[in-house]
N, C-alpha and C. Protein backbone atom coordinates (compact mmCIF):
# COMPACT_ATOMS: atom_id res chain seq x y z
N UNK A 1 -0.03 51.48 -15.18
CA UNK A 1 0.98 52.34 -15.80
C UNK A 1 1.88 51.60 -16.80
N UNK A 2 2.09 50.29 -16.59
CA UNK A 2 2.98 49.57 -17.51
C UNK A 2 2.35 49.37 -18.88
N UNK A 3 1.06 49.64 -19.01
CA UNK A 3 0.38 49.52 -20.31
C UNK A 3 0.39 50.81 -21.09
N UNK A 4 0.78 51.93 -20.49
CA UNK A 4 0.81 53.21 -21.19
C UNK A 4 1.97 53.21 -22.18
N UNK A 5 1.73 53.73 -23.37
CA UNK A 5 2.75 53.73 -24.41
C UNK A 5 4.00 54.49 -24.00
N UNK A 6 5.11 53.99 -24.50
CA UNK A 6 6.40 54.66 -24.31
C UNK A 6 6.86 55.24 -25.63
N UNK A 7 7.51 56.40 -25.52
CA UNK A 7 8.10 57.04 -26.70
C UNK A 7 9.40 56.33 -27.05
N UNK A 8 9.99 56.72 -28.16
CA UNK A 8 11.24 56.14 -28.60
C UNK A 8 12.36 56.40 -27.59
N UNK A 9 12.25 57.48 -26.81
CA UNK A 9 13.26 57.77 -25.78
C UNK A 9 13.02 56.98 -24.49
N UNK A 10 11.97 56.14 -24.46
CA UNK A 10 11.70 55.30 -23.30
C UNK A 10 10.75 55.90 -22.28
N UNK A 11 10.40 57.17 -22.44
CA UNK A 11 9.49 57.81 -21.49
C UNK A 11 8.04 57.47 -21.81
N UNK A 12 7.25 57.26 -20.75
CA UNK A 12 5.83 57.00 -20.93
C UNK A 12 5.10 58.27 -21.33
N UNK A 13 4.00 58.10 -22.05
CA UNK A 13 3.13 59.23 -22.35
C UNK A 13 2.67 59.82 -21.03
N UNK A 14 2.50 61.11 -20.99
CA UNK A 14 2.05 61.78 -19.79
C UNK A 14 0.55 62.04 -19.90
N UNK A 15 -0.27 61.29 -19.14
CA UNK A 15 -1.72 61.47 -19.24
C UNK A 15 -2.19 62.88 -18.87
N UNK A 16 -1.39 63.60 -18.12
CA UNK A 16 -1.77 64.96 -17.74
C UNK A 16 -1.46 65.96 -18.85
N UNK A 17 -0.59 65.58 -19.76
CA UNK A 17 -0.19 66.47 -20.85
C UNK A 17 -0.80 66.03 -22.18
N UNK A 18 -0.77 64.74 -22.45
CA UNK A 18 -1.28 64.18 -23.69
C UNK A 18 -2.45 63.26 -23.38
N UNK A 19 -2.99 62.67 -24.42
CA UNK A 19 -3.90 61.56 -24.20
C UNK A 19 -3.10 60.41 -23.63
N UNK A 20 -3.73 59.53 -22.91
CA UNK A 20 -3.06 58.35 -22.38
C UNK A 20 -3.46 57.15 -23.22
N UNK A 21 -2.61 56.73 -24.13
CA UNK A 21 -2.88 55.59 -24.98
C UNK A 21 -2.33 54.33 -24.33
N UNK A 22 -3.10 53.27 -24.38
CA UNK A 22 -2.59 51.96 -24.00
C UNK A 22 -1.83 51.41 -25.20
N UNK A 23 -0.83 50.60 -24.94
CA UNK A 23 0.00 50.08 -26.02
C UNK A 23 -0.62 48.81 -26.60
N UNK A 24 -1.21 48.88 -27.80
CA UNK A 24 -1.84 47.70 -28.38
C UNK A 24 -0.84 46.63 -28.79
N UNK A 25 0.43 46.93 -28.72
CA UNK A 25 1.45 45.91 -28.99
C UNK A 25 1.58 44.90 -27.86
N UNK A 26 1.04 45.25 -26.70
CA UNK A 26 1.08 44.34 -25.55
C UNK A 26 -0.10 43.39 -25.59
N UNK A 27 0.14 42.08 -25.56
CA UNK A 27 -0.96 41.11 -25.60
C UNK A 27 -1.98 41.33 -24.48
N UNK A 28 -1.55 41.71 -23.30
CA UNK A 28 -2.48 41.92 -22.19
C UNK A 28 -3.43 43.08 -22.48
N UNK A 29 -2.95 44.10 -23.16
CA UNK A 29 -3.81 45.24 -23.52
C UNK A 29 -4.86 44.78 -24.52
N UNK A 30 -4.44 44.05 -25.54
CA UNK A 30 -5.40 43.56 -26.54
C UNK A 30 -6.46 42.69 -25.90
N UNK A 31 -6.04 41.80 -25.00
CA UNK A 31 -6.98 40.91 -24.33
C UNK A 31 -7.96 41.71 -23.46
N UNK A 32 -7.45 42.70 -22.73
CA UNK A 32 -8.30 43.51 -21.86
C UNK A 32 -9.34 44.29 -22.67
N UNK A 33 -8.91 44.94 -23.73
CA UNK A 33 -9.83 45.73 -24.55
C UNK A 33 -10.88 44.82 -25.18
N UNK A 34 -10.46 43.67 -25.69
CA UNK A 34 -11.41 42.73 -26.29
C UNK A 34 -12.42 42.24 -25.26
N UNK A 35 -11.97 41.99 -24.03
CA UNK A 35 -12.90 41.52 -23.00
C UNK A 35 -13.90 42.60 -22.61
N UNK A 36 -13.47 43.86 -22.61
CA UNK A 36 -14.41 44.96 -22.32
C UNK A 36 -15.48 45.05 -23.40
N UNK A 37 -15.06 44.98 -24.66
CA UNK A 37 -16.03 45.02 -25.75
C UNK A 37 -16.98 43.83 -25.68
N UNK A 38 -16.44 42.66 -25.40
CA UNK A 38 -17.27 41.45 -25.30
C UNK A 38 -18.29 41.59 -24.17
N UNK A 39 -17.87 42.16 -23.06
CA UNK A 39 -18.79 42.36 -21.94
C UNK A 39 -19.94 43.29 -22.33
N UNK A 40 -19.62 44.37 -23.02
CA UNK A 40 -20.65 45.33 -23.42
C UNK A 40 -21.64 44.69 -24.39
N UNK A 41 -21.13 44.03 -25.43
CA UNK A 41 -22.06 43.49 -26.44
C UNK A 41 -22.81 42.27 -25.92
N UNK A 42 -22.29 41.61 -24.90
CA UNK A 42 -22.98 40.46 -24.31
C UNK A 42 -24.07 40.90 -23.35
N UNK A 43 -23.85 41.97 -22.62
CA UNK A 43 -24.75 42.35 -21.53
C UNK A 43 -25.68 43.52 -21.82
N UNK A 44 -25.51 44.17 -22.96
CA UNK A 44 -26.34 45.33 -23.27
C UNK A 44 -26.84 45.24 -24.70
N UNK A 45 -28.03 45.75 -24.96
CA UNK A 45 -28.60 45.67 -26.31
C UNK A 45 -28.04 46.77 -27.22
N UNK A 46 -26.78 46.65 -27.59
CA UNK A 46 -26.15 47.65 -28.45
C UNK A 46 -26.21 47.20 -29.90
N UNK A 47 -26.18 48.16 -30.80
CA UNK A 47 -26.19 47.86 -32.23
C UNK A 47 -24.78 47.64 -32.78
N UNK A 48 -23.78 48.11 -32.05
CA UNK A 48 -22.41 47.97 -32.52
C UNK A 48 -21.45 48.63 -31.55
N UNK A 49 -20.19 48.59 -31.89
CA UNK A 49 -19.13 49.20 -31.07
C UNK A 49 -18.31 50.10 -31.98
N UNK A 50 -18.13 51.34 -31.56
CA UNK A 50 -17.34 52.32 -32.31
C UNK A 50 -15.90 52.25 -31.80
N UNK A 51 -14.98 51.90 -32.66
CA UNK A 51 -13.57 51.75 -32.26
C UNK A 51 -12.79 53.04 -32.51
N UNK A 52 -13.19 54.10 -31.85
CA UNK A 52 -12.48 55.37 -31.97
C UNK A 52 -11.22 55.33 -31.11
N UNK A 53 -10.16 55.89 -31.61
CA UNK A 53 -8.87 55.94 -30.93
C UNK A 53 -8.29 54.55 -30.68
N UNK A 54 -8.62 53.59 -31.52
CA UNK A 54 -7.95 52.29 -31.48
C UNK A 54 -6.86 52.40 -32.55
N UNK A 55 -5.82 53.10 -32.19
CA UNK A 55 -4.73 53.39 -33.12
C UNK A 55 -3.52 53.87 -32.33
N UNK A 56 -2.44 54.09 -33.05
CA UNK A 56 -1.27 54.69 -32.43
C UNK A 56 -1.39 56.20 -32.52
N UNK A 57 -0.89 56.91 -31.52
CA UNK A 57 -0.97 58.37 -31.57
C UNK A 57 0.03 58.95 -32.56
N UNK A 58 -0.29 60.08 -33.08
CA UNK A 58 0.60 60.85 -33.95
C UNK A 58 0.89 60.10 -35.25
N UNK A 59 1.60 60.73 -36.11
CA UNK A 59 1.90 60.13 -37.41
C UNK A 59 3.36 59.74 -37.54
N UNK A 60 4.19 60.14 -36.61
CA UNK A 60 5.63 59.98 -36.76
C UNK A 60 6.14 58.58 -36.43
N UNK A 61 5.36 57.75 -35.76
CA UNK A 61 5.85 56.44 -35.38
C UNK A 61 6.80 56.48 -34.21
N UNK A 62 6.60 57.44 -33.31
CA UNK A 62 7.52 57.58 -32.18
C UNK A 62 6.98 56.96 -30.90
N UNK A 63 5.94 56.13 -31.00
CA UNK A 63 5.39 55.46 -29.82
C UNK A 63 5.36 53.96 -30.02
N UNK A 64 5.11 53.26 -28.94
CA UNK A 64 5.06 51.80 -28.83
C UNK A 64 6.47 51.23 -28.69
N UNK A 65 7.23 51.84 -27.81
CA UNK A 65 8.57 51.36 -27.52
C UNK A 65 8.65 50.73 -26.14
N UNK A 66 7.53 50.13 -25.71
CA UNK A 66 7.53 49.37 -24.47
C UNK A 66 8.45 48.17 -24.69
N UNK A 67 9.27 47.84 -23.72
CA UNK A 67 10.30 46.81 -23.91
C UNK A 67 9.77 45.48 -24.47
N UNK A 68 8.67 44.91 -23.94
CA UNK A 68 8.20 43.66 -24.53
C UNK A 68 7.79 43.80 -26.00
N UNK A 69 7.27 44.96 -26.37
CA UNK A 69 6.87 45.19 -27.76
C UNK A 69 8.10 45.28 -28.65
N UNK A 70 9.12 45.97 -28.20
CA UNK A 70 10.37 46.08 -28.96
C UNK A 70 11.00 44.70 -29.13
N UNK A 71 11.04 43.91 -28.07
CA UNK A 71 11.63 42.58 -28.15
C UNK A 71 10.84 41.68 -29.10
N UNK A 72 9.51 41.77 -29.05
CA UNK A 72 8.69 40.98 -29.95
C UNK A 72 8.93 41.39 -31.40
N UNK A 73 9.04 42.69 -31.64
CA UNK A 73 9.32 43.18 -32.99
C UNK A 73 10.66 42.64 -33.49
N UNK A 74 11.68 42.72 -32.66
CA UNK A 74 13.02 42.21 -33.06
C UNK A 74 12.96 40.72 -33.35
N UNK A 75 12.25 39.98 -32.51
CA UNK A 75 12.14 38.53 -32.69
C UNK A 75 11.44 38.22 -34.01
N UNK A 76 10.40 38.96 -34.32
CA UNK A 76 9.62 38.70 -35.54
C UNK A 76 10.32 39.16 -36.81
N UNK A 77 11.02 40.28 -36.76
CA UNK A 77 11.50 40.91 -37.99
C UNK A 77 13.02 41.02 -38.09
N UNK A 78 13.74 40.48 -37.16
CA UNK A 78 15.20 40.59 -37.19
C UNK A 78 15.81 39.89 -38.41
N UNK A 79 15.16 38.86 -38.87
CA UNK A 79 15.71 38.09 -40.00
C UNK A 79 15.37 38.68 -41.35
N UNK A 80 14.56 39.74 -41.39
CA UNK A 80 14.17 40.32 -42.68
C UNK A 80 15.27 41.17 -43.26
């Protein structure tokens, strides 16, 4: 549950109401997804991997407000 995206108001996406997106801003999520893809292409004779829904939901930019992601953003861009 800690990997599910949070809205700007701090609430997690509701998998029963919306799609349940993992927050790609979290390093653990990126590592997990990459390891799943690596496992598939290593163990099965696939021609490729389709990266559908590897994105942020909606167009408004109201997601990815998980606390570690917000802190990382502030650390990286606070001086700009």
